[in-house]
């Protein structure tokens, strides 16, 4: 049964990376407009979480965090050219909260507390994109977020032992589901 969990984890990671293909493509074409604050925070936190998974030796679920580090890094770089050019007060506030939240993470020697802080920072980074998607759903790529949603669903299925560490994949699932929902709502509203 362990192989099933590992396979699901690998599939989740592959899908996470694949999801960035349409996202990057539509970003370069000017259809998707990434929020710089979100993608900077997601890159930093994705890297921290991926490296913590690596050091913990969690081979079943490492693949999604790796995908969510590499993909956001590329999008963060692209966001400076193709994203929103202005920094909103919300963007700055989220960056500040994210930066301040790193302090307890650095001080803590507790893996679960560190994970909770990372999820909090990641969620703080998500706020500008969630708000943007709610207001302007056409600025996010439906196919990419649908792939992310599927990847996050597979990651949930890859969890062999449910404990507090499952908070990260649960959060990612809820985030992707919310963004997909806002995009679909926007598409439906446009058709009416």
Foldseek 3Di string as FASTA:
>chain_A
DLVLLQVLQQLLLVLLLVLLVVQVVCLVVLFAADDLLLLVLQQVLLVVVLVVCVVVVVNSNSRNSVSSNVSSVVVNVSNCPRHDPDQDPLSVVLNVVLVVLVVVLVVDPDPLVNLVSSLVSNVSSCVVVLVCCLVPVSNGDLSSLVSNLVSLVSSLVSDPDDDSSCVNSVSSNVSSVSSNVSNVVVVVVVVD
